[in-house]
Amino acid sequence: MRVWNSWAHCRIPNGGILRRVSLDLVAQLLISKRRNTRTPLPEAPERFTGARKKFLEAGYKTTVWNRTPEKAKSLVEKGAYLAKTVAEGFEASELIVICLLDNKVVNATLKQAGPLPHGRVVVNLTNGTPEHARETGSFVLAQGAQYIHGGIMAVPQMVGTPAAVLLYSGATETYQSVEKDLSIFGAGKYLGTDNGTASLYDLALLSGMYGLFTGFNHAVSLVRSQDGKETSVTEFLPLLVPWLTHMTGYLHLLAKQIDEKNFASQGSSIAMQVPAVQNIVQASKDQGVSPDWIRPIQGFLDLAVASGRGNDDLSALVELTGEIKKEDK
């Protein structure tokens, strides 16, 4: 995710419970409860139009904080109150939701805030590793606050819409206490009590996404490499997208095989895949396209064959991922 440069405290008219929203003028969003603010929710960046509408519909009222106060000027001009320090914001908030550049920035911000007020709930949506989440959780819990870690499975334009999915993990009772508040961002998926689980699933889903983008870029590079022909990528998509869509259906079979530990090929064995991938690598070289896009899967296929798993299905490759080289750790 991107850096949250501004935080805002909001009040919603539901029996006096107060919320806090943090808006980065460039990228992201944040919410938390506040005890005593009455200013109206300012206009959010355009990429958060959906979330802004939901806050407005809910009657949120806002106070803001920004590491660069000038960036909060437009919010203040619309009626928001500008908190002077991080500590002031944390003290005023019952629910603190953080989304920053990385774990290092999160830790620095928490230390800048000073001792966390007892009983506060900190929800950290910053992308990081499971260990990062557990370490931050331990830091927060040691100060008497509660901690939930989350992952945002959405591009900024999706935040605040039904299409957005957010993953959460941490103490069950803590999550349940803020679940309704967090629903302003999108559909929540609670994954259990280990603070690191949300990060693990977040990174796993992103890995699947980057694998898709890797294949897309390699495929496009190949068709654009044809001499003497201006290849339109847009015109190539009607071939690529249906093919990939059909292949995603194959994932259900692979998942079943992995769960049942029955990897016997049902028609497309690993041994059969090897020559095809070798041809892709050679064609890439011939066309002046880097074969590095596809080399990782080639390495796993070759390893599978060398391990006597050539007659298995592609799902068997998951059995080869348990061991990594020491230098990769």
Protein backbone atom coordinates (compact mmCIF):
# COMPACT_ATOMS: atom_id res chain seq x y z
CA MET A 1 0.00 0.00 0.00
CA ARG A 2 1.01 3.68 -0.14
CA VAL A 3 1.84 6.19 2.55
CA TRP A 4 -0.95 7.66 4.64
CA ASN A 5 0.06 11.26 5.10
CA SER A 6 -3.07 12.46 6.85
CA TRP A 7 -5.36 11.06 9.50
CA ALA A 8 -8.85 12.29 10.30
CA HIS A 9 -11.10 11.69 13.27
CA CYS A 10 -14.79 11.32 12.53
CA ARG A 11 -18.01 11.19 14.45
CA ILE A 12 -21.01 9.21 13.27
CA PRO A 13 -24.47 9.88 14.66
CA ASN A 14 -25.24 6.48 16.21
CA GLY A 15 -25.59 7.09 19.88
CA GLY A 16 -22.47 9.21 20.13
CA ILE A 17 -19.93 6.63 18.97
CA LEU A 18 -17.12 8.45 17.22
CA ARG A 19 -14.97 7.39 14.31
CA ARG A 20 -11.69 8.61 12.85
CA VAL A 21 -10.73 8.71 9.17
CA SER A 22 -7.26 9.26 7.77
CA LEU A 23 -6.93 10.39 4.18
CA ASP A 24 -3.72 10.46 2.17
CA LEU A 25 -4.09 13.11 -0.51
CA VAL A 26 -2.16 10.82 -2.83
CA ALA A 27 -3.30 7.34 -2.02
CA GLN A 28 -4.99 5.66 0.91
CA LEU A 29 -7.61 5.78 3.67
CA LEU A 30 -7.81 5.26 7.44
CA ILE A 31 -10.56 5.24 10.10
CA SER A 32 -10.84 5.27 13.84
CA LYS A 33 -13.18 6.31 16.66
CA ARG A 34 -12.90 9.68 18.32
CA ARG A 35 -14.50 11.05 21.45
CA ASN A 36 -15.32 14.65 20.67
CA THR A 37 -15.17 16.00 17.16
CA ARG A 38 -18.00 17.59 15.23
CA THR A 39 -16.51 18.80 11.97
CA PRO A 40 -17.85 17.48 8.61
CA LEU A 41 -16.11 14.85 6.52
CA PRO A 42 -14.02 16.64 3.87
CA GLU A 43 -13.82 15.65 0.26
CA ALA A 44 -11.55 12.63 -0.25
CA PRO A 45 -9.27 12.15 -3.26
CA GLU A 46 -11.11 11.14 -6.42
CA ARG A 47 -9.80 7.59 -6.22
CA PHE A 48 -11.79 7.29 -2.96
CA THR A 49 -15.07 8.61 -4.29
CA GLY A 50 -16.91 5.43 -3.29
CA ALA A 51 -15.51 5.46 0.24
CA ARG A 52 -16.18 9.18 0.59
CA LYS A 53 -19.84 8.69 -0.30
CA LYS A 54 -20.17 5.94 2.28
CA PHE A 55 -18.63 8.12 4.99
CA LEU A 56 -20.91 11.00 4.07
CA GLU A 57 -23.97 8.77 4.02
CA ALA A 58 -23.02 7.53 7.49
CA GLY A 59 -22.70 11.10 8.78
CA TYR A 60 -18.98 11.03 9.63
CA LYS A 61 -17.42 14.23 10.96
CA THR A 62 -13.69 14.71 10.76
CA THR A 63 -10.45 15.91 12.37
CA VAL A 64 -7.21 15.48 10.41
CA TRP A 65 -3.50 15.08 11.04
CA ASN A 66 -0.78 15.19 8.40
CA ARG A 67 2.99 14.80 8.67
CA THR A 68 3.09 17.67 6.18
CA PRO A 69 0.38 20.02 7.51
CA GLU A 70 0.20 21.91 4.22
CA LYS A 71 -1.15 18.75 2.55
CA ALA A 72 -4.12 18.81 4.89
CA LYS A 73 -4.96 22.41 3.99
CA SER A 74 -7.75 21.51 1.59
CA LEU A 75 -9.34 19.31 4.25
CA VAL A 76 -9.10 22.02 6.90
CA GLU A 77 -10.60 24.55 4.50
CA LYS A 78 -13.62 22.27 4.23
CA GLY A 79 -14.09 22.28 7.98
CA ALA A 80 -11.76 19.60 9.36
CA TYR A 81 -9.76 20.22 12.53
CA LEU A 82 -6.00 19.75 12.17
CA ALA A 83 -4.40 17.78 15.01
CA LYS A 84 -0.94 19.02 15.84
CA THR A 85 0.76 15.67 16.60
CA VAL A 86 0.42 11.92 16.08
CA ALA A 87 0.09 11.54 19.84
CA GLU A 88 -2.89 13.90 19.87
CA GLY A 89 -4.59 11.77 17.27
CA PHE A 90 -3.89 8.52 19.08
CA GLU A 91 -5.07 9.94 22.39
CA ALA A 92 -8.32 11.09 20.83
CA SER A 93 -9.05 7.81 19.09
CA GLU A 94 -10.54 4.55 20.31
CA LEU A 95 -9.94 2.82 16.98
CA ILE A 96 -6.74 3.57 15.07
CA VAL A 97 -6.40 2.19 11.53
CA ILE A 98 -2.99 2.54 9.93
CA CYS A 99 -1.90 2.08 6.32
CA LEU A 100 1.64 3.24 5.63
CA LEU A 101 4.43 2.64 3.12
CA ASP A 102 6.06 -0.26 4.96
CA ASN A 103 6.69 -1.84 8.36
CA LYS A 104 9.61 0.49 9.08
CA VAL A 105 7.38 3.54 8.73
CA VAL A 106 4.70 1.90 10.88
CA ASN A 107 7.17 1.30 13.71
CA ALA A 108 8.52 4.83 13.48
CA THR A 109 5.00 6.28 13.61
CA LEU A 110 4.00 4.17 16.60
CA LYS A 111 7.14 5.27 18.45
CA GLN A 112 6.44 8.89 17.51
CA ALA A 113 3.01 8.56 19.08
CA GLY A 114 4.56 7.58 22.38
CA PRO A 115 2.86 5.19 24.81
CA LEU A 116 -0.42 3.99 23.33
CA PRO A 117 -3.48 4.77 25.42
CA HIS A 118 -4.73 1.65 27.19
CA GLY A 119 -7.61 -0.18 25.52
CA ARG A 120 -7.23 1.35 22.07
CA VAL A 121 -7.66 -0.93 19.05
CA VAL A 122 -4.94 -0.61 16.40
CA VAL A 123 -5.76 -2.01 12.95
CA ASN A 124 -2.71 -2.10 10.70
CA LEU A 125 -3.45 -2.43 6.96
CA THR A 126 0.17 -1.94 5.87
CA ASN A 127 1.54 -4.54 3.47
CA GLY A 128 4.30 -6.59 5.07
CA THR A 129 5.39 -10.08 6.03
CA PRO A 130 3.67 -12.27 8.63
CA GLU A 131 6.60 -11.70 10.97
CA HIS A 132 6.22 -7.94 10.59
CA ALA A 133 2.58 -8.26 11.64
CA ARG A 134 3.41 -10.42 14.64
CA GLU A 135 6.19 -8.08 15.79
CA THR A 136 4.00 -5.00 15.51
CA GLY A 137 1.18 -6.84 17.25
CA SER A 138 3.47 -7.77 20.14
CA PHE A 139 4.60 -4.15 20.45
CA VAL A 140 1.01 -2.86 20.58
CA LEU A 141 -0.24 -5.55 22.96
CA ALA A 142 2.67 -4.94 25.34
CA GLN A 143 1.36 -1.39 25.81
CA GLY A 144 -2.11 -2.52 26.76
CA ALA A 145 -3.77 -1.80 23.41
CA GLN A 146 -5.40 -4.35 21.10
CA TYR A 147 -4.15 -5.26 17.62
CA ILE A 148 -5.66 -6.49 14.35
CA HIS A 149 -3.64 -6.90 11.18
CA GLY A 150 -5.21 -6.57 7.75
CA GLY A 151 -4.56 -6.73 4.05
CA ILE A 152 -6.37 -4.74 1.38
CA MET A 153 -7.25 -6.78 -1.71
CA ALA A 154 -8.32 -3.84 -3.83
CA VAL A 155 -6.93 -1.07 -5.97
CA PRO A 156 -7.55 2.42 -4.53
CA GLN A 157 -10.61 3.01 -6.73
CA MET A 158 -12.27 -0.07 -5.25
CA VAL A 159 -11.88 0.95 -1.60
CA GLY A 160 -15.28 1.60 -0.06
CA THR A 161 -17.13 -0.43 -2.68
CA PRO A 162 -18.58 -3.97 -2.49
CA ALA A 163 -15.77 -5.11 -4.80
CA ALA A 164 -13.12 -4.42 -2.14
CA VAL A 165 -12.10 -7.32 0.11
CA LEU A 166 -10.05 -6.83 3.27
CA LEU A 167 -8.37 -9.67 5.12
CA TYR A 168 -8.08 -9.52 8.92
CA SER A 169 -6.44 -11.60 11.65
CA GLY A 170 -5.99 -11.19 15.37
CA ALA A 171 -8.00 -11.76 18.53
CA THR A 172 -11.57 -12.75 17.65
CA GLU A 173 -13.26 -10.50 20.20
CA THR A 174 -11.15 -7.54 19.13
CA TYR A 175 -12.05 -8.01 15.49
CA GLN A 176 -15.74 -8.39 16.28
CA SER A 177 -15.67 -5.15 18.25
CA VAL A 178 -14.57 -3.15 15.17
CA GLU A 179 -15.95 -5.27 12.33
CA LYS A 180 -18.83 -2.88 11.63
CA ASP A 181 -16.50 0.12 11.59
CA LEU A 182 -14.11 -1.56 9.15
CA SER A 183 -16.92 -2.53 6.78
CA ILE A 184 -16.78 1.05 5.45
CA PHE A 185 -13.76 -0.07 3.40
CA GLY A 186 -15.36 -3.18 1.87
CA ALA A 187 -16.14 -6.80 2.64
CA GLY A 188 -14.11 -8.14 5.56
CA LYS A 189 -12.72 -11.69 5.74
CA TYR A 190 -11.58 -12.80 9.19
CA LEU A 191 -8.85 -15.45 9.01
CA GLY A 192 -8.12 -16.33 12.63
CA THR A 193 -6.22 -15.29 15.72
CA ASP A 194 -2.63 -15.32 14.40
CA ASN A 195 -1.77 -11.71 13.51
CA GLY A 196 0.46 -12.96 10.68
CA THR A 197 -2.25 -14.84 8.80
CA ALA A 198 -3.75 -11.82 7.04
CA SER A 199 -0.30 -10.83 5.75
CA LEU A 200 0.39 -14.38 4.57
CA TYR A 201 -2.86 -14.52 2.60
CA ASP A 202 -2.34 -10.98 1.32
CA LEU A 203 1.08 -11.88 -0.09
CA ALA A 204 -0.17 -15.22 -1.44
CA LEU A 205 -2.96 -13.50 -3.38
CA LEU A 206 -0.56 -10.85 -4.64
CA SER A 207 1.82 -13.58 -5.78
CA GLY A 208 -0.97 -15.10 -7.86
CA MET A 209 -1.66 -11.67 -9.33
CA TYR A 210 1.98 -11.02 -10.19
CA GLY A 211 2.20 -14.46 -11.79
CA LEU A 212 -0.70 -13.46 -14.04
CA PHE A 213 0.97 -10.16 -14.93
CA THR A 214 4.25 -11.96 -15.62
CA GLY A 215 2.55 -14.27 -18.11
CA PHE A 216 0.72 -11.34 -19.68
CA ASN A 217 3.91 -9.35 -20.24
CA HIS A 218 5.74 -12.34 -21.70
CA ALA A 219 2.86 -13.23 -24.02
CA VAL A 220 2.55 -9.64 -25.21
CA SER A 221 6.31 -9.35 -25.73
CA LEU A 222 6.27 -12.45 -27.93
CA VAL A 223 3.45 -11.34 -30.23
CA ARG A 224 4.96 -7.86 -30.52
CA SER A 225 8.32 -9.33 -31.55
CA GLN A 226 7.11 -10.46 -34.97
CA ASP A 227 9.20 -8.77 -37.66
CA GLY A 228 7.49 -6.43 -40.07
CA LYS A 229 4.15 -6.41 -38.26
CA GLU A 230 2.61 -3.83 -35.97
CA THR A 231 0.86 -6.02 -33.42
CA SER A 232 -1.95 -4.45 -31.43
CA VAL A 233 -1.99 -5.70 -27.86
CA THR A 234 -5.63 -4.70 -27.57
CA GLU A 235 -6.47 -6.91 -30.54
CA PHE A 236 -4.49 -9.76 -28.98
CA LEU A 237 -6.55 -9.71 -25.79
CA PRO A 238 -9.62 -11.45 -27.30
CA LEU A 239 -7.34 -14.47 -27.72
CA LEU A 240 -5.50 -14.20 -24.42
CA VAL A 241 -8.27 -13.37 -21.96
CA PRO A 242 -10.65 -16.25 -22.83
CA TRP A 243 -7.71 -18.65 -22.75
CA LEU A 244 -6.62 -17.50 -19.29
CA THR A 245 -10.21 -17.49 -18.06
CA HIS A 246 -10.62 -21.09 -19.18
CA MET A 247 -7.35 -22.06 -17.49
CA THR A 248 -8.50 -20.63 -14.15
CA GLY A 249 -11.15 -23.35 -14.13
CA TYR A 250 -8.30 -25.87 -14.11
CA LEU A 251 -7.25 -24.54 -10.70
CA HIS A 252 -10.18 -26.34 -9.05
CA LEU A 253 -8.78 -29.70 -10.20
CA LEU A 254 -5.26 -28.80 -9.08
CA ALA A 255 -6.53 -27.68 -5.67
CA LYS A 256 -8.43 -30.94 -5.22
CA GLN A 257 -5.34 -32.95 -6.14
CA ILE A 258 -3.22 -31.04 -3.63
CA ASP A 259 -5.74 -31.47 -0.81
CA GLU A 260 -6.07 -35.19 -1.54
CA LYS A 261 -2.34 -35.63 -2.24
CA ASN A 262 -3.24 -37.45 -5.43
CA PHE A 263 -1.14 -35.92 -8.19
CA ALA A 264 -1.61 -38.52 -10.93
CA SER A 265 -1.93 -36.79 -14.29
CA GLN A 266 -5.35 -36.61 -15.87
CA GLY A 267 -4.06 -35.90 -19.34
CA SER A 268 -1.46 -33.14 -19.16
CA SER A 269 1.52 -34.57 -17.33
CA ILE A 270 4.57 -32.60 -16.27
CA ALA A 271 6.69 -34.56 -18.76
CA MET A 272 4.38 -33.39 -21.52
CA GLN A 273 4.69 -29.76 -20.41
CA VAL A 274 8.50 -29.73 -20.46
CA PRO A 275 8.99 -29.63 -24.28
CA ALA A 276 6.38 -26.87 -24.61
CA VAL A 277 8.17 -24.70 -22.08
CA GLN A 278 11.52 -25.45 -23.72
CA ASN A 279 10.04 -24.24 -27.00
CA ILE A 280 8.78 -21.05 -25.34
CA VAL A 281 12.27 -20.38 -23.99
CA GLN A 282 13.90 -21.01 -27.38
CA ALA A 283 11.34 -18.95 -29.28
CA SER A 284 11.85 -16.10 -26.84
CA LYS A 285 15.58 -16.15 -27.52
CA ASP A 286 15.01 -16.33 -31.27
CA GLN A 287 12.62 -13.37 -31.13
CA GLY A 288 14.90 -11.27 -28.97
CA VAL A 289 12.57 -11.55 -25.96
CA SER A 290 13.93 -12.33 -22.50
CA PRO A 291 13.12 -15.92 -21.49
CA ASP A 292 13.48 -14.95 -17.82
CA TRP A 293 9.72 -14.43 -17.62
CA ILE A 294 9.15 -18.19 -17.81
CA ARG A 295 12.38 -19.63 -16.41
CA PRO A 296 11.06 -20.12 -12.84
CA ILE A 297 8.36 -22.59 -13.91
CA GLN A 298 10.84 -24.28 -16.26
CA GLY A 299 13.15 -24.87 -13.33
CA PHE A 300 10.38 -26.48 -11.28
CA LEU A 301 9.29 -28.67 -14.21
CA ASP A 302 12.84 -29.90 -14.76
CA LEU A 303 13.22 -30.60 -11.04
CA ALA A 304 9.96 -32.55 -11.01
CA VAL A 305 11.07 -34.76 -13.89
CA ALA A 306 14.46 -35.32 -12.27
CA SER A 307 12.64 -36.31 -9.07
CA GLY A 308 10.63 -38.96 -10.88
CA ARG A 309 7.39 -36.99 -10.99
CA GLY A 310 7.14 -36.61 -14.75
CA ASN A 311 3.86 -38.55 -14.89
CA ASP A 312 2.22 -36.34 -12.27
CA ASP A 313 0.03 -33.32 -12.91
CA LEU A 314 1.20 -29.73 -12.49
CA SER A 315 -0.24 -29.75 -8.97
CA ALA A 316 2.73 -31.90 -7.90
CA LEU A 317 4.99 -28.85 -8.24
CA VAL A 318 3.66 -27.62 -4.90
CA GLU A 319 5.49 -30.54 -3.27
CA LEU A 320 8.78 -29.08 -4.50
CA THR A 321 8.35 -25.67 -2.87
CA GLY A 322 8.95 -26.80 0.70
CA GLU A 323 12.73 -26.61 0.39
CA ILE A 324 14.59 -23.43 -0.47
CA LYS A 325 18.27 -22.80 -0.81
CA LYS A 326 20.00 -21.44 2.27
CA GLU A 327 21.15 -18.40 0.34
CA ASP A 328 17.51 -17.58 -0.48
CA LYS A 329 16.53 -17.35 3.19
